[in-house]
Amino acid sequence: MLADFHNHSCLSPCGSLDMSPRVIAEIAAERNVKVLALTDHNTSRNCPAFAFHCKRLNIIPLFGLEVTTQEEVHMLTLFTVLDAAMTFGDYIYSMITPFPNNPEIAGDQVYVDNDDNIIGELEFYLSGAAAIGVDELGTVASTYGALVIPAHVDRPAFSMSSQLGVVVKGAWAALECVQIPPYKVMGNITSELLETHSYPLIRSSDAHYTEHIGRRPFNLDISEEELLPNGPDGEADVNALVQALKMRPRDRW
């Protein structure tokens, strides 16, 4: 099945206002993406509407956040259970610097209902760092039931390689790359291959605009029957998801 673990809605200040949860799910469905995550910066507030539209379109949803750690490393935290994602999202939002967002400068931070009506706007700037480090995030997010995946590790900004110089070992379910195999990029110069410690490698769209949706999906080697929702609220089988990720390439295609 095609999967895409990294997408931003109209709630992320860097995301287009056209990127409602409904639009993201509908375009992903058109592009045959079967497992889809919503990962706004430091919040999960748009995940309820996302859950509604994924169910309507027979997409298996993952509810997540792209957390910015205190080292300014972007980390994907993904949940199969909506309530867990919402609770963790509130926890992370409480840890960001309470700096008021200026929509005219940084962009809007709106969350919506199932019909795309704006029902609220988050006050504090979401793209700043939360008061939690990479190591602590891995530990804490796991206690909430999250799969943790370092984002775009081969990007020259907000990645492990740009901020820390290396890929740090941790309880990561996979590493997200822009390219596989991933190279360390310094400015516009591509240098040596990144040491990925044999973690499973994935690609994702990191969509901020509608034209980005489904641009970099990856193949998840699992049948729909194995991963299909099996919980009381229709959540996916997290253990099956972990096992499927373990079958991804490790270092190369």
C-alpha atoms as a PDB file:
ATOM      1  CA  MET A   1       0.000   0.000   0.000  1.00  0.00           C
ATOM      2  CA  LEU A   2       1.098   3.577  -0.632  1.00  0.00           C
ATOM      3  CA  ALA A   3       1.745   5.518   2.578  1.00  0.00           C
ATOM      4  CA  ASP A   4       2.553   9.147   3.355  1.00  0.00           C
ATOM      5  CA  PHE A   5       3.503  10.058   6.922  1.00  0.00           C
ATOM      6  CA  HIS A   6       4.152  13.825   6.704  1.00  0.00           C
ATOM      7  CA  ASN A   7       1.518  16.421   5.793  1.00  0.00           C
ATOM      8  CA  HIS A   8       0.660  19.885   7.127  1.00  0.00           C
ATOM      9  CA  SER A   9      -2.791  21.409   7.243  1.00  0.00           C
ATOM     10  CA  CYS A  10      -4.016  24.996   7.441  1.00  0.00           C
ATOM     11  CA  LEU A  11      -3.154  24.850  11.142  1.00  0.00           C
ATOM     12  CA  SER A  12       0.589  24.983  10.488  1.00  0.00           C
ATOM     13  CA  PRO A  13       1.611  28.622   9.939  1.00  0.00           C
ATOM     14  CA  CYS A  14       3.707  27.575   6.941  1.00  0.00           C
ATOM     15  CA  GLY A  15       0.798  25.638   5.407  1.00  0.00           C
ATOM     16  CA  SER A  16      -1.667  26.939   2.867  1.00  0.00           C
ATOM     17  CA  LEU A  17      -5.163  27.837   4.037  1.00  0.00           C
ATOM     18  CA  ASP A  18      -6.361  25.529   1.242  1.00  0.00           C
ATOM     19  CA  MET A  19      -4.922  22.572   3.171  1.00  0.00           C
ATOM     20  CA  SER A  20      -7.947  21.580   5.188  1.00  0.00           C
ATOM     21  CA  PRO A  21      -8.040  17.997   6.520  1.00  0.00           C
ATOM     22  CA  ARG A  22     -10.805  17.305   3.992  1.00  0.00           C
ATOM     23  CA  VAL A  23      -8.730  18.498   1.035  1.00  0.00           C
ATOM     24  CA  ILE A  24      -5.645  16.592   2.174  1.00  0.00           C
ATOM     25  CA  ALA A  25      -7.593  13.344   2.491  1.00  0.00           C
ATOM     26  CA  GLU A  26      -9.473  13.788  -0.787  1.00  0.00           C
ATOM     27  CA  ILE A  27      -6.370  14.517  -2.874  1.00  0.00           C
ATOM     28  CA  ALA A  28      -4.442  11.707  -1.199  1.00  0.00           C
ATOM     29  CA  ALA A  29      -7.299   9.322  -2.039  1.00  0.00           C
ATOM     30  CA  GLU A  30      -7.190  10.459  -5.670  1.00  0.00           C
ATOM     31  CA  ARG A  31      -3.468   9.624  -5.685  1.00  0.00           C
ATOM     32  CA  ASN A  32      -4.085   6.163  -4.233  1.00  0.00           C
ATOM     33  CA  VAL A  33      -2.491   6.844  -0.851  1.00  0.00           C
ATOM     34  CA  LYS A  34      -3.957   4.293   1.560  1.00  0.00           C
ATOM     35  CA  VAL A  35      -2.159   5.139   4.829  1.00  0.00           C
ATOM     36  CA  LEU A  36      -2.026   8.862   5.562  1.00  0.00           C
ATOM     37  CA  ALA A  37      -0.736  10.976   8.449  1.00  0.00           C
ATOM     38  CA  LEU A  38      -1.494  14.551   9.467  1.00  0.00           C
ATOM     39  CA  THR A  39       1.525  16.137  11.175  1.00  0.00           C
ATOM     40  CA  ASP A  40       1.119  19.821  11.944  1.00  0.00           C
ATOM     41  CA  HIS A  41       3.830  21.690  13.812  1.00  0.00           C
ATOM     42  CA  ASN A  42       3.622  21.082  17.571  1.00  0.00           C
ATOM     43  CA  THR A  43      -0.137  20.436  17.622  1.00  0.00           C
ATOM     44  CA  SER A  44      -2.728  17.814  16.703  1.00  0.00           C
ATOM     45  CA  ARG A  45      -5.778  20.087  16.845  1.00  0.00           C
ATOM     46  CA  ASN A  46      -6.891  19.377  13.246  1.00  0.00           C
ATOM     47  CA  CYS A  47      -6.816  15.599  13.696  1.00  0.00           C
ATOM     48  CA  PRO A  48     -10.542  15.143  14.579  1.00  0.00           C
ATOM     49  CA  ALA A  49     -11.653  16.479  11.191  1.00  0.00           C
ATOM     50  CA  PHE A  50      -8.874  14.453   9.560  1.00  0.00           C
ATOM     51  CA  ALA A  51     -10.203  11.289  11.232  1.00  0.00           C
ATOM     52  CA  PHE A  52     -13.702  11.982   9.885  1.00  0.00           C
ATOM     53  CA  HIS A  53     -12.574  12.380   6.287  1.00  0.00           C
ATOM     54  CA  CYS A  54     -10.158   9.444   6.314  1.00  0.00           C
ATOM     55  CA  LYS A  55     -12.985   7.194   7.477  1.00  0.00           C
ATOM     56  CA  ARG A  56     -15.262   8.595   4.764  1.00  0.00           C
ATOM     57  CA  LEU A  57     -12.644   7.891   2.081  1.00  0.00           C
ATOM     58  CA  ASN A  58     -11.473   4.491   3.378  1.00  0.00           C
ATOM     59  CA  ILE A  59      -8.000   5.809   4.198  1.00  0.00           C
ATOM     60  CA  ILE A  60      -6.170   4.374   7.201  1.00  0.00           C
ATOM     61  CA  PRO A  61      -5.273   7.438   9.300  1.00  0.00           C
ATOM     62  CA  LEU A  62      -2.292   8.221  11.486  1.00  0.00           C
ATOM     63  CA  PHE A  63      -2.677  11.165  13.836  1.00  0.00           C
ATOM     64  CA  GLY A  64       0.503  13.043  14.525  1.00  0.00           C
ATOM     65  CA  LEU A  65       2.614  16.090  15.101  1.00  0.00           C
ATOM     66  CA  GLU A  66       5.895  17.329  13.730  1.00  0.00           C
ATOM     67  CA  VAL A  67       7.557  18.302  16.982  1.00  0.00           C
ATOM     68  CA  THR A  68      10.401  20.816  16.964  1.00  0.00           C
ATOM     69  CA  THR A  69      12.796  19.856  19.750  1.00  0.00           C
ATOM     70  CA  GLN A  70      14.904  22.305  21.730  1.00  0.00           C
ATOM     71  CA  GLU A  71      17.778  21.490  19.350  1.00  0.00           C
ATOM     72  CA  GLU A  72      15.454  22.589  16.495  1.00  0.00           C
ATOM     73  CA  VAL A  73      15.274  19.070  15.100  1.00  0.00           C
ATOM     74  CA  HIS A  74      11.963  18.136  13.469  1.00  0.00           C
ATOM     75  CA  MET A  75      10.555  14.815  14.709  1.00  0.00           C
ATOM     76  CA  LEU A  76       7.395  13.022  13.554  1.00  0.00           C
ATOM     77  CA  THR A  77       5.294  11.519  16.346  1.00  0.00           C
ATOM     78  CA  LEU A  78       2.558   9.279  14.955  1.00  0.00           C
ATOM     79  CA  PHE A  79      -0.420   7.701  16.711  1.00  0.00           C
ATOM     80  CA  THR A  80      -3.045   5.202  15.655  1.00  0.00           C
ATOM     81  CA  VAL A  81      -5.374   6.390  18.456  1.00  0.00           C
ATOM     82  CA  LEU A  82      -6.899   9.857  18.067  1.00  0.00           C
ATOM     83  CA  ASP A  83      -7.347  10.537  21.788  1.00  0.00           C
ATOM     84  CA  ALA A  84      -3.679   9.769  22.471  1.00  0.00           C
ATOM     85  CA  ALA A  85      -2.603  12.157  19.723  1.00  0.00           C
ATOM     86  CA  MET A  86      -4.831  14.914  21.093  1.00  0.00           C
ATOM     87  CA  THR A  87      -3.499  14.482  24.632  1.00  0.00           C
ATOM     88  CA  PHE A  88       0.102  14.453  23.457  1.00  0.00           C
ATOM     89  CA  GLY A  89      -0.583  17.460  21.240  1.00  0.00           C
ATOM     90  CA  ASP A  90      -1.823  19.461  24.220  1.00  0.00           C
ATOM     91  CA  TYR A  91       1.288  18.425  26.153  1.00  0.00           C
ATOM     92  CA  ILE A  92       3.660  19.603  23.404  1.00  0.00           C
ATOM     93  CA  TYR A  93       1.734  22.849  22.854  1.00  0.00           C
ATOM     94  CA  SER A  94       2.155  23.614  26.559  1.00  0.00           C
ATOM     95  CA  MET A  95       5.927  23.339  26.104  1.00  0.00           C
ATOM     96  CA  ILE A  96       6.421  25.789  23.249  1.00  0.00           C
ATOM     97  CA  THR A  97       7.505  29.370  23.911  1.00  0.00           C
ATOM     98  CA  PRO A  98       4.329  31.429  24.523  1.00  0.00           C
ATOM     99  CA  PHE A  99       5.170  33.860  21.722  1.00  0.00           C
ATOM    100  CA  PRO A 100       2.005  35.233  20.066  1.00  0.00           C
ATOM    101  CA  ASN A 101       1.655  34.343  16.414  1.00  0.00           C
ATOM    102  CA  ASN A 102       1.343  37.200  13.924  1.00  0.00           C
ATOM    103  CA  PRO A 103      -0.688  35.819  10.990  1.00  0.00           C
ATOM    104  CA  GLU A 104       0.349  38.650   8.682  1.00  0.00           C
ATOM    105  CA  ILE A 105       4.002  37.705   9.124  1.00  0.00           C
ATOM    106  CA  ALA A 106       4.084  33.982   9.908  1.00  0.00           C
ATOM    107  CA  GLY A 107       0.760  32.721   8.527  1.00  0.00           C
ATOM    108  CA  ASP A 108      -2.571  31.620   9.959  1.00  0.00           C
ATOM    109  CA  GLN A 109      -2.935  28.855  12.540  1.00  0.00           C
ATOM    110  CA  VAL A 110      -6.573  27.797  12.189  1.00  0.00           C
ATOM    111  CA  TYR A 111      -8.309  24.538  12.996  1.00  0.00           C
ATOM    112  CA  VAL A 112     -11.543  23.533  11.321  1.00  0.00           C
ATOM    113  CA  ASP A 113     -14.591  21.298  11.594  1.00  0.00           C
ATOM    114  CA  ASN A 114     -15.613  18.529   9.199  1.00  0.00           C
ATOM    115  CA  ASP A 115     -17.064  21.107   6.776  1.00  0.00           C
ATOM    116  CA  ASP A 116     -13.937  23.311   6.652  1.00  0.00           C
ATOM    117  CA  ASN A 117     -15.475  25.968   8.884  1.00  0.00           C
ATOM    118  CA  ILE A 118     -12.877  27.679  11.073  1.00  0.00           C
ATOM    119  CA  ILE A 119     -13.657  26.908  14.712  1.00  0.00           C
ATOM    120  CA  GLY A 120     -10.561  28.344  16.349  1.00  0.00           C
ATOM    121  CA  GLU A 121      -7.044  29.684  16.007  1.00  0.00           C
ATOM    122  CA  LEU A 122      -4.057  28.802  18.176  1.00  0.00           C
ATOM    123  CA  GLU A 123      -2.489  31.801  19.855  1.00  0.00           C
ATOM    124  CA  PHE A 124       1.174  30.847  20.182  1.00  0.00           C
ATOM    125  CA  TYR A 125       3.545  30.515  17.219  1.00  0.00           C
ATOM    126  CA  LEU A 126       3.655  26.831  16.361  1.00  0.00           C
ATOM    127  CA  SER A 127       6.910  26.576  14.429  1.00  0.00           C
ATOM    128  CA  GLY A 128       9.120  27.439  17.385  1.00  0.00           C
ATOM    129  CA  ALA A 129      10.930  24.895  19.518  1.00  0.00           C
ATOM    130  CA  ALA A 130       9.329  23.009  22.382  1.00  0.00           C
ATOM    131  CA  ALA A 131      11.175  22.665  25.674  1.00  0.00           C
ATOM    132  CA  ILE A 132      12.047  19.022  25.100  1.00  0.00           C
ATOM    133  CA  GLY A 133      15.203  17.443  23.704  1.00  0.00           C
ATOM    134  CA  VAL A 134      15.535  14.715  21.080  1.00  0.00           C
ATOM    135  CA  ASP A 135      16.309  11.955  23.584  1.00  0.00           C
ATOM    136  CA  GLU A 136      13.547  12.961  25.983  1.00  0.00           C
ATOM    137  CA  LEU A 137      11.016  13.250  23.180  1.00  0.00           C
ATOM    138  CA  GLY A 138      11.715   9.690  22.086  1.00  0.00           C
ATOM    139  CA  THR A 139      11.116   8.434  25.611  1.00  0.00           C
ATOM    140  CA  VAL A 140       8.069  10.563  26.440  1.00  0.00           C
ATOM    141  CA  ALA A 141       6.286  10.094  23.111  1.00  0.00           C
ATOM    142  CA  SER A 142       6.636   6.326  23.420  1.00  0.00           C
ATOM    143  CA  THR A 143       4.806   6.405  26.757  1.00  0.00           C
ATOM    144  CA  TYR A 144       1.869   8.008  24.943  1.00  0.00           C
ATOM    145  CA  GLY A 145       1.935   5.226  22.345  1.00  0.00           C
ATOM    146  CA  ALA A 146       3.624   7.129  19.524  1.00  0.00           C
ATOM    147  CA  LEU A 147       5.858   5.890  16.753  1.00  0.00           C
ATOM    148  CA  VAL A 148       8.735   8.374  16.552  1.00  0.00           C
ATOM    149  CA  ILE A 149      10.457   9.094  13.226  1.00  0.00           C
ATOM    150  CA  PRO A 150      13.154  11.767  12.779  1.00  0.00           C
ATOM    151  CA  ALA A 151      11.992  13.953   9.891  1.00  0.00           C
ATOM    152  CA  HIS A 152      13.899  14.628   6.633  1.00  0.00           C
ATOM    153  CA  VAL A 153      17.231  13.583   8.141  1.00  0.00           C
ATOM    154  CA  ASP A 154      19.100  14.582   4.962  1.00  0.00           C
ATOM    155  CA  ARG A 155      17.741  18.124   4.730  1.00  0.00           C
ATOM    156  CA  PRO A 156      20.088  21.104   5.334  1.00  0.00           C
ATOM    157  CA  ALA A 157      17.752  22.628   7.952  1.00  0.00           C
ATOM    158  CA  PHE A 158      15.753  21.395  10.964  1.00  0.00           C
ATOM    159  CA  SER A 159      17.110  17.860  10.659  1.00  0.00           C
ATOM    160  CA  MET A 160      19.341  15.661  12.750  1.00  0.00           C
ATOM    161  CA  SER A 161      22.170  16.061  10.250  1.00  0.00           C
ATOM    162  CA  SER A 162      21.892  19.855  10.095  1.00  0.00           C
ATOM    163  CA  GLN A 163      21.430  20.449  13.827  1.00  0.00           C
ATOM    164  CA  LEU A 164      23.436  17.618  15.389  1.00  0.00           C
ATOM    165  CA  GLY A 165      25.808  16.659  12.569  1.00  0.00           C
ATOM    166  CA  VAL A 166      24.783  12.988  12.699  1.00  0.00           C
ATOM    167  CA  VAL A 167      21.778  10.726  12.976  1.00  0.00           C
ATOM    168  CA  VAL A 168      21.421  10.069  16.694  1.00  0.00           C
ATOM    169  CA  LYS A 169      20.414   6.590  17.806  1.00  0.00           C
ATOM    170  CA  GLY A 170      17.108   6.192  19.594  1.00  0.00           C
ATOM    171  CA  ALA A 171      13.891   4.197  19.657  1.00  0.00           C
ATOM    172  CA  TRP A 172      13.009   5.355  16.140  1.00  0.00           C
ATOM    173  CA  ALA A 173      10.523   3.360  14.080  1.00  0.00           C
ATOM    174  CA  ALA A 174      12.204   4.612  10.889  1.00  0.00           C
ATOM    175  CA  LEU A 175      14.060   7.589   9.436  1.00  0.00           C
ATOM    176  CA  GLU A 176      12.364   9.934   6.986  1.00  0.00           C
ATOM    177  CA  CYS A 177      14.567  10.965   4.053  1.00  0.00           C
ATOM    178  CA  VAL A 178      14.141  13.305   1.129  1.00  0.00           C
ATOM    179  CA  GLN A 179      16.204  10.908  -0.988  1.00  0.00           C
ATOM    180  CA  ILE A 180      17.136   7.267  -0.485  1.00  0.00           C
ATOM    181  CA  PRO A 181      19.989   6.686   0.113  1.00  0.00           C
ATOM    182  CA  PRO A 182      20.319   9.880   2.159  1.00  0.00           C
ATOM    183  CA  TYR A 183      23.329  12.150   1.742  1.00  0.00           C
ATOM    184  CA  LYS A 184      24.478  14.812   4.145  1.00  0.00           C
ATOM    185  CA  VAL A 185      23.784  18.212   2.589  1.00  0.00           C
ATOM    186  CA  MET A 186      25.718  21.315   3.602  1.00  0.00           C
ATOM    187  CA  GLY A 187      24.333  24.403   1.892  1.00  0.00           C
ATOM    188  CA  ASN A 188      24.028  23.401  -1.760  1.00  0.00           C
ATOM    189  CA  ILE A 189      26.800  20.820  -1.510  1.00  0.00           C
ATOM    190  CA  THR A 190      25.967  17.133  -1.246  1.00  0.00           C
ATOM    191  CA  SER A 191      28.706  15.279   0.577  1.00  0.00           C
ATOM    192  CA  GLU A 192      29.014  11.787   2.046  1.00  0.00           C
ATOM    193  CA  LEU A 193      26.269   9.274   2.718  1.00  0.00           C
ATOM    194  CA  LEU A 194      24.621   9.664   6.087  1.00  0.00           C
ATOM    195  CA  GLU A 195      25.167   6.916   8.620  1.00  0.00           C
ATOM    196  CA  THR A 196      21.635   5.647   9.204  1.00  0.00           C
ATOM    197  CA  HIS A 197      22.484   2.828  11.646  1.00  0.00           C
ATOM    198  CA  SER A 198      20.348   0.425   9.597  1.00  0.00           C
ATOM    199  CA  TYR A 199      17.052   2.050  10.590  1.00  0.00           C
ATOM    200  CA  PRO A 200      14.206   1.494   8.096  1.00  0.00           C
ATOM    201  CA  LEU A 201      14.084   4.361   5.592  1.00  0.00           C
ATOM    202  CA  ILE A 202      10.950   6.064   4.295  1.00  0.00           C
ATOM    203  CA  ARG A 203      10.092   9.076   2.167  1.00  0.00           C
ATOM    204  CA  SER A 204       7.121  11.393   2.735  1.00  0.00           C
ATOM    205  CA  SER A 205       5.643  14.416   1.024  1.00  0.00           C
ATOM    206  CA  ASP A 206       6.032  17.046   3.766  1.00  0.00           C
ATOM    207  CA  ALA A 207       3.080  18.693   2.018  1.00  0.00           C
ATOM    208  CA  HIS A 208       2.331  22.331   2.780  1.00  0.00           C
ATOM    209  CA  TYR A 209       0.369  23.092  -0.408  1.00  0.00           C
ATOM    210  CA  THR A 210      -2.168  21.055  -2.353  1.00  0.00           C
ATOM    211  CA  GLU A 211       0.292  20.371  -5.184  1.00  0.00           C
ATOM    212  CA  HIS A 212       2.619  18.704  -2.653  1.00  0.00           C
ATOM    213  CA  ILE A 213       0.113  16.066  -1.527  1.00  0.00           C
ATOM    214  CA  GLY A 214       1.264  12.603  -2.563  1.00  0.00           C
ATOM    215  CA  ARG A 215       4.510  13.799  -4.153  1.00  0.00           C
ATOM    216  CA  ARG A 216       6.767  11.416  -2.188  1.00  0.00           C
ATOM    217  CA  PRO A 217       4.753   8.449  -0.896  1.00  0.00           C
ATOM    218  CA  PHE A 218       6.426   5.151  -0.072  1.00  0.00           C
ATOM    219  CA  ASN A 219       5.429   1.520  -0.326  1.00  0.00           C
ATOM    220  CA  LEU A 220       4.336  -0.177   2.876  1.00  0.00           C
ATOM    221  CA  ASP A 221       4.706  -3.933   2.422  1.00  0.00           C
ATOM    222  CA  ILE A 222       1.539  -5.098   4.128  1.00  0.00           C
ATOM    223  CA  SER A 223      -1.932  -6.095   3.053  1.00  0.00           C
ATOM    224  CA  GLU A 224      -4.869  -3.861   3.840  1.00  0.00           C
ATOM    225  CA  GLU A 225      -6.433  -6.709   5.818  1.00  0.00           C
ATOM    226  CA  GLU A 226      -3.389  -6.907   8.113  1.00  0.00           C
ATOM    227  CA  LEU A 227      -3.336  -3.189   8.852  1.00  0.00           C
ATOM    228  CA  LEU A 228      -7.028  -2.407   8.711  1.00  0.00           C
ATOM    229  CA  PRO A 229      -8.552  -0.743  11.757  1.00  0.00           C
ATOM    230  CA  ASN A 230      -9.319  -3.193  14.534  1.00  0.00           C
ATOM    231  CA  GLY A 231      -9.877  -1.035  17.622  1.00  0.00           C
ATOM    232  CA  PRO A 232     -13.107   0.341  19.085  1.00  0.00           C
ATOM    233  CA  ASP A 233     -12.616   3.650  17.292  1.00  0.00           C
ATOM    234  CA  GLY A 234     -11.291   2.143  14.086  1.00  0.00           C
ATOM    235  CA  GLU A 235      -7.604   2.581  14.816  1.00  0.00           C
ATOM    236  CA  ALA A 236      -5.006   0.751  12.760  1.00  0.00           C
ATOM    237  CA  ASP A 237      -3.005  -2.164  14.135  1.00  0.00           C
ATOM    238  CA  VAL A 238       0.136  -0.438  15.433  1.00  0.00           C
ATOM    239  CA  ASN A 239       2.090  -3.685  15.771  1.00  0.00           C
ATOM    240  CA  ALA A 240       1.395  -4.597  12.161  1.00  0.00           C
ATOM    241  CA  LEU A 241       2.519  -1.116  11.149  1.00  0.00           C
ATOM    242  CA  VAL A 242       5.816  -1.495  13.034  1.00  0.00           C
ATOM    243  CA  GLN A 243       6.467  -4.859  11.407  1.00  0.00           C
ATOM    244  CA  ALA A 244       5.758  -3.443   7.943  1.00  0.00           C
ATOM    245  CA  LEU A 245       8.190  -0.566   8.541  1.00  0.00           C
ATOM    246  CA  LYS A 246      10.892  -3.083   9.465  1.00  0.00           C
ATOM    247  CA  MET A 247      10.692  -4.416   5.913  1.00  0.00           C
ATOM    248  CA  ARG A 248      11.642  -1.057   4.407  1.00  0.00           C
ATOM    249  CA  PRO A 249      15.113  -0.491   2.827  1.00  0.00           C
ATOM    250  CA  ARG A 250      17.964   0.161   5.248  1.00  0.00           C
ATOM    251  CA  ASP A 251      20.733   2.271   3.629  1.00  0.00           C
ATOM    252  CA  ARG A 252      19.699   1.850  -0.030  1.00  0.00           C
ATOM    253  CA  TRP A 253      16.859   0.802  -2.323  1.00  0.00           C
END
